[in-house]
């Protein structure tokens, strides 16, 4: 059973950067769908970025050009590099995985994820 542990959240000023990490454990492979989601004040949980089996990436329009998702297969770790942060990026960020979902060409953006980390808070001040 996959377990996910996020780290790297914090408080920054607008225009700053943060890098989130998500360490996965409990499985011997790392090619399944994974992604980052966030829950912002007044909104439900929304997809931020996902990564497909072949490493293809998909982003929400609000973060395109500013955020980058990547993974290190050797370390079983998923990352989210966040640059040029804005106050509207403030929220709780969650790592998600579905060890039974595999696909490319944006497939992983529409997966119903069933494994979640505990979340890490990101606060961006103006």
C-alpha atoms as a PDB file:
ATOM      1  CA  UNK A   1       0.000   0.000   0.000  1.00  0.00           C
ATOM      2  CA  UNK A   2       1.413   3.354  -1.050  1.00  0.00           C
ATOM      3  CA  UNK A   3       2.124   5.890   1.648  1.00  0.00           C
ATOM      4  CA  UNK A   4       2.885   9.501   0.782  1.00  0.00           C
ATOM      5  CA  UNK A   5       4.707  12.077   2.866  1.00  0.00           C
ATOM      6  CA  UNK A   6       4.919  15.691   1.742  1.00  0.00           C
ATOM      7  CA  UNK A   7       7.424  18.306   2.832  1.00  0.00           C
ATOM      8  CA  UNK A   8       8.694  21.703   1.738  1.00  0.00           C
ATOM      9  CA  UNK A   9       5.778  24.001   2.429  1.00  0.00           C
ATOM     10  CA  UNK A  10       6.213  27.346   4.144  1.00  0.00           C
ATOM     11  CA  UNK A  11       5.614  31.076   3.979  1.00  0.00           C
ATOM     12  CA  UNK A  12       7.038  33.285   1.259  1.00  0.00           C
ATOM     13  CA  UNK A  13       6.420  36.689  -0.224  1.00  0.00           C
ATOM     14  CA  UNK A  14       4.822  37.104  -3.621  1.00  0.00           C
ATOM     15  CA  UNK A  15       7.319  36.391  -6.365  1.00  0.00           C
ATOM     16  CA  UNK A  16       9.182  33.876  -4.249  1.00  0.00           C
ATOM     17  CA  UNK A  17       9.738  30.157  -4.789  1.00  0.00           C
ATOM     18  CA  UNK A  18       9.173  26.916  -2.934  1.00  0.00           C
ATOM     19  CA  UNK A  19       9.869  23.299  -3.748  1.00  0.00           C
ATOM     20  CA  UNK A  20       7.534  20.634  -2.450  1.00  0.00           C
ATOM     21  CA  UNK A  21       8.589  17.012  -2.112  1.00  0.00           C
ATOM     22  CA  UNK A  22       6.510  13.856  -1.760  1.00  0.00           C
ATOM     23  CA  UNK A  23       8.229  10.668  -0.688  1.00  0.00           C
ATOM     24  CA  UNK A  24       6.373   7.497  -1.665  1.00  0.00           C
ATOM     25  CA  UNK A  25       6.793   4.178   0.099  1.00  0.00           C
ATOM     26  CA  UNK A  26       5.136   0.780   0.102  1.00  0.00           C
ATOM     27  CA  UNK A  27       5.467  -0.238  -3.560  1.00  0.00           C
ATOM     28  CA  UNK A  28       8.388  -1.409  -5.657  1.00  0.00           C
ATOM     29  CA  UNK A  29       7.515   0.522  -8.801  1.00  0.00           C
ATOM     30  CA  UNK A  30       7.001   4.230  -9.376  1.00  0.00           C
ATOM     31  CA  UNK A  31       5.407   4.500 -12.819  1.00  0.00           C
ATOM     32  CA  UNK A  32       1.798   5.007 -11.742  1.00  0.00           C
ATOM     33  CA  UNK A  33      -0.137   8.248 -11.983  1.00  0.00           C
ATOM     34  CA  UNK A  34       0.800  10.918  -9.460  1.00  0.00           C
ATOM     35  CA  UNK A  35      -0.067  14.531  -8.957  1.00  0.00           C
ATOM     36  CA  UNK A  36      -0.263  17.590  -6.786  1.00  0.00           C
ATOM     37  CA  UNK A  37      -3.550  19.089  -5.639  1.00  0.00           C
ATOM     38  CA  UNK A  38      -4.366  22.052  -3.471  1.00  0.00           C
ATOM     39  CA  UNK A  39      -7.181  23.273  -1.308  1.00  0.00           C
ATOM     40  CA  UNK A  40      -7.376  27.038  -1.155  1.00  0.00           C
ATOM     41  CA  UNK A  41      -9.513  29.221   1.124  1.00  0.00           C
ATOM     42  CA  UNK A  42     -13.092  29.233  -0.097  1.00  0.00           C
ATOM     43  CA  UNK A  43     -12.498  26.606  -2.773  1.00  0.00           C
ATOM     44  CA  UNK A  44     -12.580  22.884  -2.984  1.00  0.00           C
ATOM     45  CA  UNK A  45      -9.647  20.703  -3.857  1.00  0.00           C
ATOM     46  CA  UNK A  46      -8.256  21.421  -7.315  1.00  0.00           C
ATOM     47  CA  UNK A  47      -5.674  19.762  -9.487  1.00  0.00           C
ATOM     48  CA  UNK A  48      -2.404  21.632  -9.829  1.00  0.00           C
ATOM     49  CA  UNK A  49      -0.215  19.293 -11.853  1.00  0.00           C
ATOM     50  CA  UNK A  50       0.028  15.613 -12.729  1.00  0.00           C
ATOM     51  CA  UNK A  51       2.667  13.379 -14.243  1.00  0.00           C
ATOM     52  CA  UNK A  52       1.995  10.481 -16.594  1.00  0.00           C
ATOM     53  CA  UNK A  53       3.673   7.103 -16.813  1.00  0.00           C
ATOM     54  CA  UNK A  54       6.058   8.348 -19.518  1.00  0.00           C
ATOM     55  CA  UNK A  55       6.836  11.541 -17.599  1.00  0.00           C
ATOM     56  CA  UNK A  56       4.421  13.722 -19.527  1.00  0.00           C
ATOM     57  CA  UNK A  57       3.010  16.568 -17.475  1.00  0.00           C
ATOM     58  CA  UNK A  58      -0.276  18.444 -17.281  1.00  0.00           C
ATOM     59  CA  UNK A  59      -0.905  21.704 -15.429  1.00  0.00           C
ATOM     60  CA  UNK A  60      -3.828  23.787 -14.334  1.00  0.00           C
ATOM     61  CA  UNK A  61      -4.047  26.989 -16.384  1.00  0.00           C
ATOM     62  CA  UNK A  62      -3.465  29.069 -13.251  1.00  0.00           C
ATOM     63  CA  UNK A  63       0.027  27.640 -12.708  1.00  0.00           C
ATOM     64  CA  UNK A  64       1.299  27.080 -16.243  1.00  0.00           C
ATOM     65  CA  UNK A  65       4.703  28.637 -16.761  1.00  0.00           C
ATOM     66  CA  UNK A  66       5.273  29.017 -13.013  1.00  0.00           C
ATOM     67  CA  UNK A  67       5.121  25.491 -11.572  1.00  0.00           C
ATOM     68  CA  UNK A  68       6.953  22.347 -12.648  1.00  0.00           C
ATOM     69  CA  UNK A  69       6.197  18.783 -11.570  1.00  0.00           C
ATOM     70  CA  UNK A  70       8.879  16.123 -11.741  1.00  0.00           C
ATOM     71  CA  UNK A  71       9.866  12.851 -10.134  1.00  0.00           C
ATOM     72  CA  UNK A  72      13.015  11.020  -9.218  1.00  0.00           C
ATOM     73  CA  UNK A  73      12.407   7.318  -9.806  1.00  0.00           C
ATOM     74  CA  UNK A  74      15.547   6.314  -7.929  1.00  0.00           C
ATOM     75  CA  UNK A  75      14.326   8.106  -4.817  1.00  0.00           C
ATOM     76  CA  UNK A  76      10.588   7.383  -5.265  1.00  0.00           C
ATOM     77  CA  UNK A  77      10.015  11.087  -4.789  1.00  0.00           C
ATOM     78  CA  UNK A  78       7.677  13.491  -6.532  1.00  0.00           C
ATOM     79  CA  UNK A  79       8.450  17.216  -6.655  1.00  0.00           C
ATOM     80  CA  UNK A  80       6.646  20.457  -7.343  1.00  0.00           C
ATOM     81  CA  UNK A  81       8.830  23.460  -8.075  1.00  0.00           C
ATOM     82  CA  UNK A  82       6.794  26.606  -7.580  1.00  0.00           C
ATOM     83  CA  UNK A  83       8.160  29.901  -8.898  1.00  0.00           C
ATOM     84  CA  UNK A  84       6.747  33.419  -9.046  1.00  0.00           C
ATOM     85  CA  UNK A  85       4.276  32.542  -6.319  1.00  0.00           C
ATOM     86  CA  UNK A  86       1.143  34.638  -5.950  1.00  0.00           C
ATOM     87  CA  UNK A  87      -1.104  35.194  -2.919  1.00  0.00           C
ATOM     88  CA  UNK A  88      -3.814  33.153  -4.648  1.00  0.00           C
ATOM     89  CA  UNK A  89      -1.500  30.142  -4.531  1.00  0.00           C
ATOM     90  CA  UNK A  90      -1.952  30.050  -0.755  1.00  0.00           C
ATOM     91  CA  UNK A  91      -3.425  26.774   0.427  1.00  0.00           C
ATOM     92  CA  UNK A  92      -2.820  23.233   1.589  1.00  0.00           C
ATOM     93  CA  UNK A  93      -0.967  21.206  -1.003  1.00  0.00           C
ATOM     94  CA  UNK A  94      -1.464  17.460  -1.265  1.00  0.00           C
ATOM     95  CA  UNK A  95       0.437  14.754  -3.054  1.00  0.00           C
ATOM     96  CA  UNK A  96      -1.741  12.071  -4.634  1.00  0.00           C
ATOM     97  CA  UNK A  97      -1.186   8.694  -6.265  1.00  0.00           C
ATOM     98  CA  UNK A  98      -3.100   5.825  -7.796  1.00  0.00           C
ATOM     99  CA  UNK A  99      -0.883   2.744  -7.935  1.00  0.00           C
ATOM    100  CA  UNK A 100      -3.305   1.023 -10.326  1.00  0.00           C
ATOM    101  CA  UNK A 101      -3.509   3.811 -12.903  1.00  0.00           C
ATOM    102  CA  UNK A 102      -1.062   4.109 -15.766  1.00  0.00           C
ATOM    103  CA  UNK A 103      -1.303   6.203 -18.893  1.00  0.00           C
ATOM    104  CA  UNK A 104       0.105   8.974 -21.049  1.00  0.00           C
ATOM    105  CA  UNK A 105      -1.032  12.032 -23.003  1.00  0.00           C
ATOM    106  CA  UNK A 106      -2.584  13.687 -19.965  1.00  0.00           C
ATOM    107  CA  UNK A 107      -4.370  10.575 -18.767  1.00  0.00           C
ATOM    108  CA  UNK A 108      -3.270  11.065 -15.177  1.00  0.00           C
ATOM    109  CA  UNK A 109      -4.925  14.492 -14.884  1.00  0.00           C
ATOM    110  CA  UNK A 110      -8.384  12.903 -14.848  1.00  0.00           C
ATOM    111  CA  UNK A 111      -7.690   9.988 -12.540  1.00  0.00           C
ATOM    112  CA  UNK A 112      -9.666   9.636  -9.338  1.00  0.00           C
ATOM    113  CA  UNK A 113      -6.766   9.429  -6.921  1.00  0.00           C
ATOM    114  CA  UNK A 114      -7.129   7.144  -3.946  1.00  0.00           C
ATOM    115  CA  UNK A 115      -3.896   7.702  -2.035  1.00  0.00           C
ATOM    116  CA  UNK A 116      -3.210  11.039  -0.420  1.00  0.00           C
ATOM    117  CA  UNK A 117      -0.547  12.563   1.733  1.00  0.00           C
ATOM    118  CA  UNK A 118      -1.283  14.591   4.835  1.00  0.00           C
ATOM    119  CA  UNK A 119      -0.693  17.904   3.079  1.00  0.00           C
ATOM    120  CA  UNK A 120       1.770  20.744   3.450  1.00  0.00           C
ATOM    121  CA  UNK A 121       0.780  24.388   3.895  1.00  0.00           C
ATOM    122  CA  UNK A 122       1.900  27.068   1.455  1.00  0.00           C
ATOM    123  CA  UNK A 123       1.303  30.702   2.388  1.00  0.00           C
ATOM    124  CA  UNK A 124       2.131  33.541   0.006  1.00  0.00           C
ATOM    125  CA  UNK A 125       1.942  37.099   1.298  1.00  0.00           C
ATOM    126  CA  UNK A 126       1.564  40.185  -0.881  1.00  0.00           C
END
